[in-house]
């Protein structure tokens, strides 16, 4: 009987930038700060799961459509 172990590999921003050509450390950091990239903050570092990074880049999230607020607004004439 063989056991398979699922290992979770966490990447720093620098390691993630090295894995993805054309994606800078600055851009990855901005995506983490804005909440665009799922990540974990450990102290001062942002850690990104390697599998999540690959899934995020291959299957980008669908942007949410703005919901109407159904409030009355004054229209300037």
Protein backbone atom coordinates (compact mmCIF):
# COMPACT_ATOMS: atom_id res chain seq x y z
CA UNK A 1 0.00 0.00 0.00
CA UNK A 2 1.51 3.31 -1.04
CA UNK A 3 0.79 6.61 0.60
CA UNK A 4 0.75 9.83 -1.32
CA UNK A 5 1.59 12.97 0.54
CA UNK A 6 0.27 16.27 -0.62
CA UNK A 7 2.85 18.88 0.14
CA UNK A 8 1.98 22.51 0.17
CA UNK A 9 4.79 24.68 -1.12
CA UNK A 10 4.65 28.28 -0.03
CA UNK A 11 6.57 30.87 -2.02
CA UNK A 12 7.82 34.28 -1.01
CA UNK A 13 7.22 37.18 -3.36
CA UNK A 14 10.79 36.87 -4.67
CA UNK A 15 10.40 33.14 -5.34
CA UNK A 16 7.05 33.68 -7.08
CA UNK A 17 8.57 36.38 -9.31
CA UNK A 18 11.39 34.00 -10.30
CA UNK A 19 8.87 31.28 -11.24
CA UNK A 20 6.81 33.52 -13.52
CA UNK A 21 8.79 35.38 -16.19
CA UNK A 22 7.40 38.83 -16.86
CA UNK A 23 5.72 39.18 -13.46
CA UNK A 24 7.71 41.51 -11.22
CA UNK A 25 8.11 41.41 -7.46
CA UNK A 26 6.45 44.81 -7.28
CA UNK A 27 3.35 43.62 -9.16
CA UNK A 28 3.02 40.47 -7.05
CA UNK A 29 3.33 42.52 -3.85
CA UNK A 30 0.66 44.95 -5.09
CA UNK A 31 -1.68 42.06 -5.94
CA UNK A 32 -1.21 40.65 -2.42
CA UNK A 33 -1.80 44.01 -0.73
CA UNK A 34 -4.96 44.70 -2.76
CA UNK A 35 -6.32 41.21 -2.13
CA UNK A 36 -6.21 40.22 -5.80
CA UNK A 37 -3.80 37.34 -5.12
CA UNK A 38 -4.73 34.86 -2.38
CA UNK A 39 -1.87 34.87 0.13
CA UNK A 40 -0.94 34.54 3.78
CA UNK A 41 0.84 37.27 5.70
CA UNK A 42 3.48 35.85 8.02
CA UNK A 43 5.04 38.71 9.94
CA UNK A 44 6.21 41.17 7.31
CA UNK A 45 6.29 38.58 4.50
CA UNK A 46 3.58 37.55 2.11
CA UNK A 47 3.50 33.82 1.37
CA UNK A 48 1.78 32.49 -1.72
CA UNK A 49 0.83 28.86 -2.22
CA UNK A 50 2.48 27.59 -5.40
CA UNK A 51 -0.65 25.70 -6.52
CA UNK A 52 -2.82 28.79 -5.94
CA UNK A 53 -0.39 30.95 -7.92
CA UNK A 54 -0.50 28.57 -10.88
CA UNK A 55 -4.30 28.32 -10.72
CA UNK A 56 -4.63 32.13 -10.44
CA UNK A 57 -2.47 32.65 -13.53
CA UNK A 58 -4.07 29.93 -15.65
CA UNK A 59 -7.69 30.52 -14.57
CA UNK A 60 -8.07 34.21 -13.70
CA UNK A 61 -11.02 35.03 -11.45
CA UNK A 62 -14.13 36.43 -13.10
CA UNK A 63 -14.66 40.05 -12.02
CA UNK A 64 -17.86 40.69 -10.11
CA UNK A 65 -20.52 42.79 -11.76
CA UNK A 66 -21.44 45.90 -9.78
CA UNK A 67 -24.78 45.57 -8.08
CA UNK A 68 -27.30 48.36 -8.49
CA UNK A 69 -27.84 50.25 -5.25
CA UNK A 70 -31.52 51.05 -6.06
CA UNK A 71 -31.25 54.48 -4.47
CA UNK A 72 -32.84 57.63 -5.83
CA UNK A 73 -30.38 60.13 -7.20
CA UNK A 74 -30.78 63.69 -8.27
CA UNK A 75 -30.32 64.16 -12.00
CA UNK A 76 -28.85 67.47 -13.10
CA UNK A 77 -30.71 69.13 -15.97
